[in-house]
Protein backbone atom coordinates (compact mmCIF):
# COMPACT_ATOMS: atom_id res chain seq x y z
CA MET A 1 -75.25 68.07 -4.99
CA LEU A 2 -78.53 70.16 -4.36
CA ASP A 3 -81.39 68.39 -3.39
CA MET A 4 -84.14 68.12 -6.10
CA ALA A 5 -87.01 69.14 -3.34
CA VAL A 6 -85.04 72.59 -2.78
CA TRP A 7 -84.62 73.52 -6.40
CA GLU A 8 -88.18 75.64 -6.51
CA ALA A 9 -86.49 77.77 -3.92
CA TYR A 10 -83.19 78.37 -6.13
CA GLY A 11 -85.37 78.99 -9.53
CA LEU A 12 -84.49 75.82 -11.05
CA ASP A 13 -86.02 73.37 -13.09
CA ALA A 14 -83.59 71.31 -14.96
CA VAL A 15 -79.89 71.20 -15.42
CA SER A 16 -78.34 72.30 -18.35
CA GLU A 17 -74.64 72.19 -17.20
CA ILE A 18 -72.65 70.56 -14.53
CA SER A 19 -68.94 72.19 -13.74
CA PHE A 20 -66.65 70.50 -11.11
CA THR A 21 -62.89 70.19 -10.17
CA LEU A 22 -60.38 67.29 -10.81
CA ALA A 23 -57.74 67.71 -8.32
CA GLN A 24 -54.97 64.86 -7.03
CA GLU A 25 -53.84 64.19 -3.27
CA ASP A 26 -52.04 61.49 -1.29
CA GLY A 27 -53.36 59.60 1.74
CA ASN A 28 -53.00 62.76 3.87
CA GLY A 29 -54.46 64.78 1.90
CA ASN A 30 -51.65 66.37 1.13
CA THR A 31 -51.99 67.89 -2.69
CA LEU A 32 -50.04 66.40 -5.66
CA CYS A 33 -50.95 68.81 -8.65
CA ASP A 34 -53.95 71.21 -8.81
CA GLY A 35 -57.10 71.21 -9.90
CA SER A 36 -58.04 71.14 -13.36
CA PRO A 37 -61.64 72.80 -14.36
CA VAL A 38 -63.41 70.12 -15.76
CA THR A 39 -66.89 71.41 -17.38
CA LEU A 40 -70.37 68.87 -19.10
CA ALA A 41 -73.08 70.72 -20.50
CA ILE A 42 -76.27 68.89 -21.09
CA PRO A 43 -77.06 68.38 -25.09
CA ASP A 44 -80.01 71.20 -25.76
CA ALA A 45 -80.84 71.51 -22.89
CA GLU A 46 -82.10 75.48 -21.22
CA ALA A 47 -81.94 75.90 -17.77
CA ALA A 48 -81.40 79.61 -15.37
CA TYR A 49 -82.20 80.10 -11.56
CA ARG A 50 -83.44 82.96 -9.44
CA SER A 51 -81.28 85.89 -8.14
CA ASP A 52 -83.54 87.72 -6.41
CA GLY A 53 -83.55 86.08 -3.01
CA ASP A 54 -83.31 88.94 0.12
CA VAL A 55 -79.52 90.91 0.02
CA VAL A 56 -77.95 90.11 2.92
CA TYR A 57 -74.41 91.24 2.41
CA SER A 58 -73.15 92.19 -0.20
CA SER A 59 -69.23 94.05 -0.48
CA LYS A 60 -66.99 94.27 -3.03
CA GLY A 61 -68.32 92.16 -6.22
CA VAL A 62 -69.27 89.46 -3.50
CA GLN A 63 -73.21 88.76 -2.66
CA ILE A 64 -74.84 87.24 -0.25
CA LEU A 65 -78.61 86.34 -0.90
CA HIS A 66 -81.11 84.69 1.51
CA VAL A 67 -83.75 82.92 -0.92
CA GLY A 68 -86.01 80.41 1.42
CA THR A 69 -86.08 78.15 4.75
CA GLU A 70 -87.24 75.14 4.31
CA PRO A 71 -87.68 71.46 6.64
CA ASP A 72 -85.46 69.07 5.15
CA ALA A 73 -86.28 67.23 2.24
CA PHE A 74 -85.84 63.71 4.19
CA GLY A 75 -89.13 62.56 6.00
CA SER A 76 -87.67 60.61 9.20
CA SER A 77 -85.67 64.15 9.46
CA ASP A 78 -86.22 66.93 11.90
CA ASP A 79 -83.72 69.19 10.42
CA ASN A 80 -84.49 72.61 9.16
CA HIS A 81 -82.33 73.94 6.04
CA LEU A 82 -81.53 77.97 5.50
CA LEU A 83 -81.02 78.99 2.19
CA PHE A 84 -78.34 81.42 0.56
CA LEU A 85 -77.64 82.26 -2.99
CA ALA A 86 -73.65 82.74 -2.85
CA GLU A 87 -72.51 85.16 -5.02
CA ASN A 88 -68.77 86.00 -6.44
CA GLY A 89 -68.77 88.90 -8.60
CA THR A 90 -64.76 89.11 -8.61
CA GLU A 91 -61.73 88.47 -10.28
CA GLN A 92 -60.22 85.70 -7.20
CA VAL A 93 -61.20 82.54 -6.62
CA ILE A 94 -63.54 82.99 -3.48
CA CYS A 95 -64.21 80.21 -0.25
CA PHE A 96 -67.81 80.19 1.49
CA GLU A 97 -67.89 79.16 5.15
CA ALA A 98 -70.06 78.89 8.26
CA GLY A 99 -67.96 80.03 10.72
CA TYR A 100 -68.16 78.00 13.62
CA ASP A 101 -70.09 78.79 17.62
CA THR A 102 -71.29 82.12 15.19
CA LEU A 103 -75.35 81.15 14.80
CA SER A 104 -77.37 81.88 17.32
CA VAL A 105 -81.69 81.46 16.78
CA ASN A 106 -84.58 83.22 18.27
CA GLY A 107 -81.77 84.11 20.32
CA TYR A 108 -79.99 81.09 21.03
CA MET A 109 -76.91 79.37 19.90
CA ALA A 110 -77.84 76.59 18.20
CA ASP A 111 -76.17 73.47 16.41
CA PHE A 112 -75.43 73.71 12.31
CA PHE A 113 -73.98 71.87 9.57
CA CYS A 114 -72.60 73.46 6.51
CA ILE A 115 -70.60 72.79 3.67
CA GLY A 116 -69.27 76.20 1.73
CA PRO A 117 -68.41 76.34 -1.91
CA THR A 118 -65.76 77.79 -3.69
CA LEU A 119 -66.83 79.50 -6.60
CA ALA A 120 -64.17 80.61 -9.56
CA PRO A 121 -64.71 84.56 -10.77
CA GLY A 122 -68.31 85.30 -12.05
CA ARG A 123 -69.95 81.89 -10.68
CA SER A 124 -72.69 81.24 -7.81
CA GLY A 125 -73.41 79.04 -5.66
CA VAL A 126 -75.70 77.07 -3.04
CA LEU A 127 -75.05 78.40 0.40
CA ASP A 128 -76.99 75.83 2.85
CA VAL A 129 -76.75 76.00 6.40
CA GLU A 130 -78.81 73.05 8.09
CA LEU A 131 -80.24 73.85 10.85
CA ARG A 132 -79.96 69.88 13.48
CA GLY A 133 -83.48 69.07 14.39
CA ASP A 134 -82.04 67.98 18.19
CA SER A 135 -80.48 71.11 18.11
CA LEU A 136 -83.53 73.14 17.84
CA ALA A 137 -85.59 71.13 20.47
CA LYS A 138 -83.66 72.27 23.32
CA ILE A 139 -84.74 75.57 22.67
CA GLY A 140 -88.17 75.26 21.91
CA ILE A 141 -88.64 75.28 18.31
CA GLY A 142 -90.10 72.04 16.04
CA SER A 143 -91.02 73.53 12.60
CA VAL A 144 -89.26 76.68 10.70
CA GLU A 145 -92.98 78.13 11.62
CA ASP A 146 -91.10 78.44 14.95
CA ILE A 147 -87.97 79.97 13.08
CA LYS A 148 -88.19 83.85 13.85
CA THR A 149 -85.15 85.68 14.60
CA VAL A 150 -80.99 83.79 12.80
CA GLU A 151 -78.16 85.56 12.87
CA LEU A 152 -75.08 84.07 11.48
CA THR A 153 -71.79 85.02 10.30
CA PHE A 154 -69.78 83.92 7.17
CA GLU A 155 -65.68 83.24 6.54
CA LEU A 156 -65.06 84.30 2.51
CA CYS A 157 -61.12 83.70 1.96
CA ASP A 158 -59.35 83.27 -1.16
CA ASP A 159 -58.05 79.32 -2.81
CA ARG A 160 -55.86 79.49 -0.23
CA TYR A 161 -58.21 79.69 2.84
CA ASN A 162 -56.93 83.40 3.61
CA GLU A 163 -59.64 85.05 5.02
CA LEU A 164 -60.46 87.96 3.10
CA ASP A 165 -63.71 89.53 5.38
CA LYS A 166 -66.78 88.43 7.74
CA ALA A 167 -70.16 89.16 6.80
CA THR A 168 -72.74 89.06 10.10
CA VAL A 169 -76.24 88.06 8.25
CA THR A 170 -78.84 88.42 10.43
CA LEU A 171 -82.58 87.42 9.28
CA GLY A 172 -86.05 88.86 11.50
CA GLU A 173 -85.48 91.45 13.97
CA ALA A 174 -82.67 90.10 16.44
CA ASP A 175 -84.29 89.55 20.11
CA GLN A 176 -82.56 88.69 22.98
CA PRO A 177 -83.94 85.22 25.05
CA THR A 178 -86.13 85.95 27.29
CA GLU A 179 -86.31 84.41 30.76
CA ASP A 180 -88.39 81.77 29.60
CA ALA A 181 -85.38 79.82 28.33
CA PRO A 182 -86.17 76.47 28.05
CA VAL A 183 -84.39 74.61 29.99
CA GLY A 184 -80.33 73.32 29.19
CA ALA A 185 -80.30 76.15 26.35
CA ASN A 186 -77.31 77.93 26.07
CA GLY A 187 -76.16 81.05 25.79
CA ALA A 188 -74.17 82.69 23.76
CA ASN A 189 -71.23 80.75 25.10
CA GLY A 190 -72.46 77.17 25.30
CA ALA A 191 -69.52 76.53 26.64
CA ASN A 192 -68.74 75.16 30.28
CA GLY A 193 -67.29 77.78 32.78
CA ALA A 194 -64.88 74.66 35.20
CA GLU A 195 -63.78 73.31 31.49
CA THR A 196 -61.83 75.62 30.14
CA ASP A 197 -60.56 77.20 33.03
CA GLY A 198 -56.75 78.53 32.66
CA VAL A 199 -57.30 77.13 28.84
CA SER A 200 -55.26 79.94 26.28
CA PRO A 201 -57.32 80.96 24.41
CA ASP A 202 -55.56 80.90 21.81
CA PHE A 203 -54.98 77.18 21.93
CA LYS A 204 -59.15 76.82 22.99
CA GLU A 205 -60.09 78.55 19.35
CA VAL A 206 -57.65 76.01 18.02
CA MET A 207 -58.65 72.80 19.79
CA ASP A 208 -62.14 74.45 19.43
CA SER A 209 -62.04 74.20 15.58
CA TYR A 210 -61.27 71.02 15.33
CA GLU A 211 -64.32 69.72 16.68
CA ALA A 212 -66.74 71.68 15.25
CA PHE A 213 -65.33 69.73 12.42
CA PHE A 214 -66.29 66.70 13.79
CA ASP A 215 -69.46 67.67 14.59
CA GLU A 216 -69.72 68.65 10.84
CA TYR A 217 -68.45 65.47 10.11
CA ALA A 218 -70.52 63.10 12.03
CA ALA A 219 -73.58 64.79 10.97
CA PHE A 220 -72.86 64.70 7.29
CA MET A 221 -72.01 60.94 7.75
CA GLU A 222 -75.00 60.33 9.21
CA LYS A 223 -77.11 62.24 7.10
CA TYR A 224 -74.92 60.25 4.28
CA GLN A 225 -75.58 57.29 5.50
CA ASN A 226 -79.09 57.44 6.10
CA SER A 227 -79.60 59.26 2.65
CA GLY A 228 -81.76 56.99 0.01
CA ASN A 229 -79.37 57.75 -2.86
CA PRO A 230 -75.60 58.53 -1.26
CA THR A 231 -74.31 59.18 -4.90
CA SER A 232 -76.20 62.81 -5.33
CA MET A 233 -73.74 63.18 -2.01
CA LEU A 234 -70.44 61.65 -3.23
CA MET A 235 -68.17 64.61 -3.77
CA ASP A 236 -70.13 66.22 -0.32
CA TYR A 237 -68.43 63.16 0.68
CA LEU A 238 -64.63 63.02 -0.85
CA SER A 239 -64.28 66.61 0.26
CA PHE A 240 -65.07 65.41 3.36
CA LEU A 241 -62.46 62.74 3.47
CA SER A 242 -59.95 64.85 2.22
CA ARG A 243 -60.55 67.40 4.84
CA TYR A 244 -60.52 64.88 7.66
CA ALA A 245 -56.70 63.77 6.42
CA GLU A 246 -56.15 67.12 7.49
CA ALA A 247 -57.89 67.63 10.68
CA MET A 248 -56.51 64.35 11.65
CA GLN A 249 -52.84 65.56 10.67
CA LYS A 250 -53.23 68.31 12.76
CA LEU A 251 -54.25 67.15 15.55
CA ASP A 252 -51.32 64.63 15.37
CA ASP A 253 -48.77 67.30 15.03
CA ILE A 254 -49.88 69.00 18.28
CA ASP A 255 -46.92 68.83 21.01
CA THR A 256 -49.21 67.76 23.64
CA ASP A 257 -45.43 67.17 26.13
CA SER A 258 -45.05 71.53 25.40
CA LEU A 259 -48.53 72.50 26.48
CA SER A 260 -49.58 73.49 30.22
CA ALA A 261 -51.69 71.86 32.77
CA ALA A 262 -54.55 73.39 31.67
CA ASP A 263 -54.20 73.11 28.00
CA ARG A 264 -53.00 70.02 28.03
CA ALA A 265 -56.90 68.98 30.33
CA TYR A 266 -58.55 70.69 27.55
CA TYR A 267 -56.97 69.13 24.92
CA THR A 268 -57.76 65.24 26.52
CA GLN A 269 -61.40 66.41 27.09
CA VAL A 270 -61.24 67.30 23.54
CA MET A 271 -60.23 64.56 21.74
CA LEU A 272 -62.55 62.70 24.46
CA ARG A 273 -65.21 63.81 22.12
CA ILE A 274 -63.85 63.28 19.18
CA SER A 275 -63.65 59.63 19.65
CA GLY A 276 -67.01 59.84 20.55
CA LYS A 277 -67.96 61.53 17.52
CA LEU A 278 -65.96 59.57 14.81
CA ILE A 279 -67.49 55.65 16.99
CA SER A 280 -71.19 57.48 16.09
CA ALA A 281 -70.31 58.27 13.12
CA ALA A 282 -68.97 54.65 12.38
CA GLY A 283 -72.12 53.76 13.64
């Protein structure tokens, strides 16, 4: 659900229609039947949204517009939000996601949280990239005004998660990190080389993608538990529960006995970090 604090950025002042999809899944996240679209119309309500933001991606009927950058609506959070509008002008369903480990702010890699929309043909949706305040603080950013440049990559997939395209987005003029980088700021890799020596690139990519999801999950659960209105986040919560079950199943399916020594060591390190994130999220 879109927080009313950022309605203005999207030109919203009312809700006239609510649409969603209902599907059935078992306890492991396996689909039991295809989803059915549901639309709730509010009588006599008229609403529109702005579509005049800065176009940062446009290809084959798909557009992504940047409509603003706002501080978090919750006063206790120092996160900031990059607000985009995704538009699907094609004849197929398109899923929008922000690519793991692709976001940099002022030339430095930064942590973020994003639940991308799945849009039916002809639909538009909110693409909210939440920049984690603790990560921004490490690179000397304390407010929206300190954000000068941003670069990230959005991944576009069909409804079976087959990749359709990648959209690299740049806001502001790209600058290189200066020699005055804050202590502890990561470069483009951000990874400890000693930790990944000898690890198969494909296996590392798989494990990193799982860890990235649990970063998102822990961040969402923290926000969900601290929210004064958790009901407004119910749909996102249910989506995360489904993705959580799927991710845990895939991790359980990894045959650790067939891994090389380096891959097994990396697997253990990642699983320990994931366990820590889950303990923190359950906090």
